[in-house]
C-alpha atoms as a PDB file:
ATOM      1  CA  UNK A   1     -16.108 150.777 -11.395  1.00  0.00           C
ATOM      2  CA  UNK A   2     -14.772 150.409 -14.951  1.00  0.00           C
ATOM      3  CA  UNK A   3     -17.416 150.594 -17.646  1.00  0.00           C
ATOM      4  CA  UNK A   4     -15.057 148.074 -19.989  1.00  0.00           C
ATOM      5  CA  UNK A   5     -16.205 145.307 -17.799  1.00  0.00           C
ATOM      6  CA  UNK A   6     -19.947 146.126 -17.935  1.00  0.00           C
ATOM      7  CA  UNK A   7     -20.818 143.766 -20.430  1.00  0.00           C
ATOM      8  CA  UNK A   8     -19.560 140.931 -18.261  1.00  0.00           C
ATOM      9  CA  UNK A   9     -21.575 141.839 -15.478  1.00  0.00           C
ATOM     10  CA  UNK A  10     -24.719 142.079 -17.873  1.00  0.00           C
ATOM     11  CA  UNK A  11     -23.940 138.411 -18.704  1.00  0.00           C
ATOM     12  CA  UNK A  12     -23.494 137.193 -15.026  1.00  0.00           C
ATOM     13  CA  UNK A  13     -26.310 138.917 -13.242  1.00  0.00           C
ATOM     14  CA  UNK A  14     -28.399 135.891 -13.523  1.00  0.00           C
ATOM     15  CA  UNK A  15     -25.425 133.286 -12.295  1.00  0.00           C
ATOM     16  CA  UNK A  16     -23.329 135.824  -9.792  1.00  0.00           C
ATOM     17  CA  UNK A  17     -25.100 134.298  -6.814  1.00  0.00           C
ATOM     18  CA  UNK A  18     -24.480 130.761  -7.964  1.00  0.00           C
ATOM     19  CA  UNK A  19     -20.445 131.577  -8.599  1.00  0.00           C
ATOM     20  CA  UNK A  20     -20.185 133.106  -4.797  1.00  0.00           C
ATOM     21  CA  UNK A  21     -21.890 130.252  -3.200  1.00  0.00           C
ATOM     22  CA  UNK A  22     -19.039 128.123  -4.270  1.00  0.00           C
ATOM     23  CA  UNK A  23     -20.898 126.117  -7.544  1.00  0.00           C
ATOM     24  CA  UNK A  24     -18.097 127.353  -9.967  1.00  0.00           C
ATOM     25  CA  UNK A  25     -15.005 125.337  -8.862  1.00  0.00           C
ATOM     26  CA  UNK A  26     -12.341 127.729 -10.396  1.00  0.00           C
ATOM     27  CA  UNK A  27     -13.876 130.798  -7.964  1.00  0.00           C
ATOM     28  CA  UNK A  28     -14.382 128.386  -5.176  1.00  0.00           C
ATOM     29  CA  UNK A  29     -11.193 129.831  -3.100  1.00  0.00           C
ATOM     30  CA  UNK A  30     -12.111 133.258  -4.682  1.00  0.00           C
ATOM     31  CA  UNK A  31     -15.179 133.411  -2.856  1.00  0.00           C
ATOM     32  CA  UNK A  32     -14.062 130.796   0.463  1.00  0.00           C
ATOM     33  CA  UNK A  33     -15.857 132.452   3.577  1.00  0.00           C
ATOM     34  CA  UNK A  34     -17.876 134.617   1.472  1.00  0.00           C
ATOM     35  CA  UNK A  35     -21.219 134.935   3.697  1.00  0.00           C
ATOM     36  CA  UNK A  36     -18.070 135.946   6.378  1.00  0.00           C
ATOM     37  CA  UNK A  37     -16.483 138.546   4.427  1.00  0.00           C
ATOM     38  CA  UNK A  38     -19.788 140.227   4.027  1.00  0.00           C
ATOM     39  CA  UNK A  39     -20.598 139.783   7.774  1.00  0.00           C
ATOM     40  CA  UNK A  40     -17.237 141.548   8.545  1.00  0.00           C
ATOM     41  CA  UNK A  41     -17.774 144.537   6.414  1.00  0.00           C
ATOM     42  CA  UNK A  42     -21.234 144.986   7.548  1.00  0.00           C
ATOM     43  CA  UNK A  43     -20.025 144.605  11.157  1.00  0.00           C
ATOM     44  CA  UNK A  44     -17.267 147.308  10.304  1.00  0.00           C
ATOM     45  CA  UNK A  45     -19.793 149.855   9.121  1.00  0.00           C
ATOM     46  CA  UNK A  46     -21.658 152.507  10.514  1.00  0.00           C
ATOM     47  CA  UNK A  47     -24.289 155.178  10.209  1.00  0.00           C
ATOM     48  CA  UNK A  48     -25.162 156.155   6.261  1.00  0.00           C
ATOM     49  CA  UNK A  49     -23.362 153.540   3.821  1.00  0.00           C
ATOM     50  CA  UNK A  50     -22.235 154.585   0.623  1.00  0.00           C
ATOM     51  CA  UNK A  51     -21.626 151.156  -1.414  1.00  0.00           C
ATOM     52  CA  UNK A  52     -20.210 150.928  -4.681  1.00  0.00           C
ATOM     53  CA  UNK A  53     -20.233 147.695  -6.796  1.00  0.00           C
ATOM     54  CA  UNK A  54     -23.528 146.032  -4.853  1.00  0.00           C
ATOM     55  CA  UNK A  55     -23.894 143.669  -7.588  1.00  0.00           C
ATOM     56  CA  UNK A  56     -27.219 141.606  -6.841  1.00  0.00           C
ATOM     57  CA  UNK A  57     -26.951 143.090  -3.520  1.00  0.00           C
ATOM     58  CA  UNK A  58     -25.637 140.381  -1.301  1.00  0.00           C
ATOM     59  CA  UNK A  59     -23.519 142.884   0.991  1.00  0.00           C
ATOM     60  CA  UNK A  60     -26.554 145.244   0.761  1.00  0.00           C
ATOM     61  CA  UNK A  61     -28.474 143.077   2.549  1.00  0.00           C
ATOM     62  CA  UNK A  62     -26.025 142.590   5.553  1.00  0.00           C
ATOM     63  CA  UNK A  63     -26.084 146.372   6.253  1.00  0.00           C
ATOM     64  CA  UNK A  64     -29.624 146.527   5.981  1.00  0.00           C
ATOM     65  CA  UNK A  65     -29.769 143.797   8.421  1.00  0.00           C
ATOM     66  CA  UNK A  66     -27.441 145.668  10.707  1.00  0.00           C
ATOM     67  CA  UNK A  67     -30.150 148.692  10.598  1.00  0.00           C
ATOM     68  CA  UNK A  68     -27.964 150.927   8.139  1.00  0.00           C
ATOM     69  CA  UNK A  69     -29.208 153.174   5.678  1.00  0.00           C
ATOM     70  CA  UNK A  70     -27.624 152.317   2.591  1.00  0.00           C
ATOM     71  CA  UNK A  71     -27.345 153.833  -1.332  1.00  0.00           C
ATOM     72  CA  UNK A  72     -25.772 151.577  -3.661  1.00  0.00           C
ATOM     73  CA  UNK A  73     -23.875 152.753  -6.918  1.00  0.00           C
ATOM     74  CA  UNK A  74     -24.172 150.131  -9.509  1.00  0.00           C
ATOM     75  CA  UNK A  75     -23.380 150.343 -13.548  1.00  0.00           C
ATOM     76  CA  UNK A  76     -24.828 147.231 -14.676  1.00  0.00           C
ATOM     77  CA  UNK A  77     -28.852 147.399 -15.061  1.00  0.00           C
ATOM     78  CA  UNK A  78     -28.943 143.819 -15.335  1.00  0.00           C
ATOM     79  CA  UNK A  79     -27.526 143.861 -11.648  1.00  0.00           C
ATOM     80  CA  UNK A  80     -29.570 146.618 -10.395  1.00  0.00           C
ATOM     81  CA  UNK A  81     -32.816 144.673 -11.296  1.00  0.00           C
ATOM     82  CA  UNK A  82     -32.055 141.617  -9.540  1.00  0.00           C
ATOM     83  CA  UNK A  83     -30.701 143.976  -6.594  1.00  0.00           C
ATOM     84  CA  UNK A  84     -33.673 146.375  -6.465  1.00  0.00           C
ATOM     85  CA  UNK A  85     -35.749 142.637  -6.574  1.00  0.00           C
ATOM     86  CA  UNK A  86     -33.986 140.751  -3.466  1.00  0.00           C
ATOM     87  CA  UNK A  87     -33.592 144.087  -1.420  1.00  0.00           C
ATOM     88  CA  UNK A  88     -37.544 144.957  -2.120  1.00  0.00           C
ATOM     89  CA  UNK A  89     -36.873 148.610  -2.201  1.00  0.00           C
ATOM     90  CA  UNK A  90     -35.200 148.392   1.109  1.00  0.00           C
ATOM     91  CA  UNK A  91     -32.436 150.370  -0.194  1.00  0.00           C
ATOM     92  CA  UNK A  92     -31.385 152.975  -3.012  1.00  0.00           C
ATOM     93  CA  UNK A  93     -29.593 151.591  -5.666  1.00  0.00           C
ATOM     94  CA  UNK A  94     -28.064 153.908  -8.746  1.00  0.00           C
ATOM     95  CA  UNK A  95     -26.826 154.480 -11.827  1.00  0.00           C
ATOM     96  CA  UNK A  96     -22.881 155.205 -11.705  1.00  0.00           C
ATOM     97  CA  UNK A  97     -19.738 154.089 -10.749  1.00  0.00           C
ATOM     98  CA  UNK A  98     -16.464 154.314  -8.326  1.00  0.00           C
ATOM     99  CA  UNK A  99     -15.502 157.596 -10.335  1.00  0.00           C
ATOM    100  CA  UNK A 100     -18.929 159.010 -11.335  1.00  0.00           C
ATOM    101  CA  UNK A 101     -21.821 159.125  -9.160  1.00  0.00           C
ATOM    102  CA  UNK A 102     -23.966 161.733  -7.247  1.00  0.00           C
ATOM    103  CA  UNK A 103     -24.945 161.565  -3.523  1.00  0.00           C
ATOM    104  CA  UNK A 104     -26.349 164.211  -1.551  1.00  0.00           C
ATOM    105  CA  UNK A 105     -26.094 164.593   2.343  1.00  0.00           C
ATOM    106  CA  UNK A 106     -23.560 163.303   4.597  1.00  0.00           C
ATOM    107  CA  UNK A 107     -22.083 159.706   3.980  1.00  0.00           C
ATOM    108  CA  UNK A 108     -20.267 157.639   7.389  1.00  0.00           C
ATOM    109  CA  UNK A 109     -18.935 154.496   5.734  1.00  0.00           C
ATOM    110  CA  UNK A 110     -17.859 153.737   2.124  1.00  0.00           C
ATOM    111  CA  UNK A 111     -17.962 150.119   1.534  1.00  0.00           C
ATOM    112  CA  UNK A 112     -17.250 147.906  -1.610  1.00  0.00           C
ATOM    113  CA  UNK A 113     -17.216 143.898  -2.352  1.00  0.00           C
ATOM    114  CA  UNK A 114     -14.710 142.174  -5.043  1.00  0.00           C
ATOM    115  CA  UNK A 115     -15.273 145.161  -7.231  1.00  0.00           C
ATOM    116  CA  UNK A 116     -12.267 147.702  -6.701  1.00  0.00           C
ATOM    117  CA  UNK A 117      -9.985 145.957  -8.764  1.00  0.00           C
ATOM    118  CA  UNK A 118     -12.390 147.029 -11.755  1.00  0.00           C
ATOM    119  CA  UNK A 119     -10.439 150.150 -11.507  1.00  0.00           C
ATOM    120  CA  UNK A 120      -6.536 150.989 -12.465  1.00  0.00           C
ATOM    121  CA  UNK A 121      -4.001 152.143  -9.983  1.00  0.00           C
ATOM    122  CA  UNK A 122      -3.970 155.350 -10.945  1.00  0.00           C
ATOM    123  CA  UNK A 123      -8.110 155.270 -10.737  1.00  0.00           C
ATOM    124  CA  UNK A 124      -7.669 153.773  -7.688  1.00  0.00           C
ATOM    125  CA  UNK A 125      -5.655 156.772  -6.586  1.00  0.00           C
ATOM    126  CA  UNK A 126      -8.160 159.352  -7.630  1.00  0.00           C
ATOM    127  CA  UNK A 127     -11.364 157.599  -6.098  1.00  0.00           C
ATOM    128  CA  UNK A 128      -9.702 157.387  -2.769  1.00  0.00           C
ATOM    129  CA  UNK A 129      -8.542 161.061  -2.728  1.00  0.00           C
ATOM    130  CA  UNK A 130     -12.535 161.731  -3.507  1.00  0.00           C
ATOM    131  CA  UNK A 131     -13.787 159.612  -0.780  1.00  0.00           C
ATOM    132  CA  UNK A 132     -11.237 161.448   1.528  1.00  0.00           C
ATOM    133  CA  UNK A 133     -13.065 164.661   0.942  1.00  0.00           C
ATOM    134  CA  UNK A 134     -16.533 163.195   1.074  1.00  0.00           C
ATOM    135  CA  UNK A 135     -15.971 161.315   4.424  1.00  0.00           C
ATOM    136  CA  UNK A 136     -16.171 163.320   7.760  1.00  0.00           C
ATOM    137  CA  UNK A 137     -13.375 162.445  10.345  1.00  0.00           C
ATOM    138  CA  UNK A 138     -13.973 159.193  11.927  1.00  0.00           C
ATOM    139  CA  UNK A 139     -15.901 158.299   8.769  1.00  0.00           C
ATOM    140  CA  UNK A 140     -14.422 154.615   6.810  1.00  0.00           C
ATOM    141  CA  UNK A 141     -13.668 152.941   3.949  1.00  0.00           C
ATOM    142  CA  UNK A 142     -14.178 149.356   4.031  1.00  0.00           C
ATOM    143  CA  UNK A 143     -13.016 147.432   0.713  1.00  0.00           C
ATOM    144  CA  UNK A 144     -13.155 143.637   0.418  1.00  0.00           C
ATOM    145  CA  UNK A 145     -11.138 142.415  -2.797  1.00  0.00           C
ATOM    146  CA  UNK A 146      -8.806 140.492  -3.953  1.00  0.00           C
ATOM    147  CA  UNK A 147      -5.137 142.126  -3.346  1.00  0.00           C
ATOM    148  CA  UNK A 148      -1.514 140.555  -3.015  1.00  0.00           C
ATOM    149  CA  UNK A 149       0.896 141.587  -0.302  1.00  0.00           C
ATOM    150  CA  UNK A 150       3.718 141.926  -3.241  1.00  0.00           C
ATOM    151  CA  UNK A 151       4.068 141.612  -6.975  1.00  0.00           C
ATOM    152  CA  UNK A 152       5.806 138.383  -7.027  1.00  0.00           C
ATOM    153  CA  UNK A 153       2.553 136.952  -5.119  1.00  0.00           C
ATOM    154  CA  UNK A 154       0.122 138.259  -7.294  1.00  0.00           C
ATOM    155  CA  UNK A 155       2.240 136.115 -10.344  1.00  0.00           C
ATOM    156  CA  UNK A 156       2.294 133.126  -8.351  1.00  0.00           C
ATOM    157  CA  UNK A 157      -1.212 133.129  -8.145  1.00  0.00           C
ATOM    158  CA  UNK A 158      -1.711 133.741 -12.052  1.00  0.00           C
ATOM    159  CA  UNK A 159       0.877 130.929 -12.184  1.00  0.00           C
ATOM    160  CA  UNK A 160      -0.822 128.502  -9.880  1.00  0.00           C
ATOM    161  CA  UNK A 161      -4.531 129.121 -11.547  1.00  0.00           C
ATOM    162  CA  UNK A 162      -2.624 128.107 -14.837  1.00  0.00           C
ATOM    163  CA  UNK A 163      -1.369 125.001 -13.631  1.00  0.00           C
ATOM    164  CA  UNK A 164      -4.700 123.987 -12.045  1.00  0.00           C
ATOM    165  CA  UNK A 165      -6.323 124.058 -15.022  1.00  0.00           C
ATOM    166  CA  UNK A 166      -8.335 127.301 -14.050  1.00  0.00           C
ATOM    167  CA  UNK A 167      -8.095 129.457 -17.483  1.00  0.00           C
ATOM    168  CA  UNK A 168     -11.144 131.674 -16.551  1.00  0.00           C
ATOM    169  CA  UNK A 169      -9.489 132.355 -13.659  1.00  0.00           C
ATOM    170  CA  UNK A 170      -6.287 132.752 -14.784  1.00  0.00           C
ATOM    171  CA  UNK A 171      -7.575 135.413 -17.561  1.00  0.00           C
ATOM    172  CA  UNK A 172      -9.769 137.124 -15.005  1.00  0.00           C
ATOM    173  CA  UNK A 173      -6.358 137.538 -12.790  1.00  0.00           C
ATOM    174  CA  UNK A 174      -4.630 139.157 -15.696  1.00  0.00           C
ATOM    175  CA  UNK A 175      -7.209 140.935 -17.574  1.00  0.00           C
ATOM    176  CA  UNK A 176      -8.742 142.998 -14.427  1.00  0.00           C
ATOM    177  CA  UNK A 177      -6.350 145.573 -12.188  1.00  0.00           C
ATOM    178  CA  UNK A 178      -5.227 143.342  -9.459  1.00  0.00           C
ATOM    179  CA  UNK A 179      -2.801 145.631  -7.018  1.00  0.00           C
ATOM    180  CA  UNK A 180      -0.740 145.337  -4.218  1.00  0.00           C
ATOM    181  CA  UNK A 181      -1.287 146.359  -0.516  1.00  0.00           C
ATOM    182  CA  UNK A 182       1.734 148.796  -0.674  1.00  0.00           C
ATOM    183  CA  UNK A 183       0.035 150.591  -3.445  1.00  0.00           C
ATOM    184  CA  UNK A 184      -3.258 151.260  -1.407  1.00  0.00           C
ATOM    185  CA  UNK A 185      -1.816 151.705   1.883  1.00  0.00           C
ATOM    186  CA  UNK A 186       0.156 154.621   0.125  1.00  0.00           C
ATOM    187  CA  UNK A 187      -2.986 156.143  -1.170  1.00  0.00           C
ATOM    188  CA  UNK A 188      -4.738 156.151   1.746  1.00  0.00           C
ATOM    189  CA  UNK A 189      -2.256 157.449   4.105  1.00  0.00           C
ATOM    190  CA  UNK A 190      -1.671 160.077   1.748  1.00  0.00           C
ATOM    191  CA  UNK A 191      -5.041 160.845   1.940  1.00  0.00           C
ATOM    192  CA  UNK A 192      -5.035 160.961   6.119  1.00  0.00           C
ATOM    193  CA  UNK A 193      -6.424 157.687   6.822  1.00  0.00           C
ATOM    194  CA  UNK A 194      -5.318 155.029   9.126  1.00  0.00           C
ATOM    195  CA  UNK A 195      -5.775 151.455   8.350  1.00  0.00           C
ATOM    196  CA  UNK A 196      -5.379 147.739   8.909  1.00  0.00           C
ATOM    197  CA  UNK A 197      -5.800 144.840   6.420  1.00  0.00           C
ATOM    198  CA  UNK A 198      -7.102 141.603   7.207  1.00  0.00           C
ATOM    199  CA  UNK A 199      -6.554 138.536   5.415  1.00  0.00           C
ATOM    200  CA  UNK A 200     -10.254 136.386   4.523  1.00  0.00           C
ATOM    201  CA  UNK A 201      -8.801 133.588   2.298  1.00  0.00           C
ATOM    202  CA  UNK A 202      -6.179 133.307  -0.030  1.00  0.00           C
ATOM    203  CA  UNK A 203      -7.317 135.900  -2.508  1.00  0.00           C
ATOM    204  CA  UNK A 204      -8.887 138.469  -0.634  1.00  0.00           C
ATOM    205  CA  UNK A 205      -8.381 141.440   2.069  1.00  0.00           C
ATOM    206  CA  UNK A 206     -10.428 143.687   3.801  1.00  0.00           C
ATOM    207  CA  UNK A 207      -9.165 146.872   4.089  1.00  0.00           C
ATOM    208  CA  UNK A 208     -10.723 149.336   6.472  1.00  0.00           C
ATOM    209  CA  UNK A 209      -9.461 153.079   6.912  1.00  0.00           C
ATOM    210  CA  UNK A 210     -10.515 155.376   9.440  1.00  0.00           C
ATOM    211  CA  UNK A 211     -10.597 158.894   8.202  1.00  0.00           C
ATOM    212  CA  UNK A 212      -8.238 161.312  10.672  1.00  0.00           C
END
């Protein structure tokens, strides 16, 4: 994930789990159905899983509970520390990000939740191309993230946050690199994936791609 956001996650590590469980009113809708979302991503995964941006390890825990082998790639030392404590060594959590990582052996599924928006669209395209080369036929990408059906819908989300006085959320939506479904669809299809998009709440969709 983009290193320019690293300081944010260093400061957020200790309170992240409070945010995702609805204690922060500004982000309540962003994390609506959070547990269900993680379960859906885990349910759609198989084999050896490569997880980008595991953060405090909430999705990792779901994957492990489903009997999967997980290697997490997390750039934040503070987040890695929380995850390693929570997971008690059941998953390997390594330093790295979406674009810079080292892994040996076959990967069957690549997952991420609430993190792919840290990459620009150009970086997203590069990352998906790389994952397409890494995955075998039948391998999967399963990403849950904030994304929009159109650019207008994205602008409307920013305006709505501002109107509701959710200034942190509005700044977040403008600071990060949130994209649209057509952009992701094009990247995935260019790299030989069939895909579906499933809406989870007003912000987040699950993108599931299967390598042909």
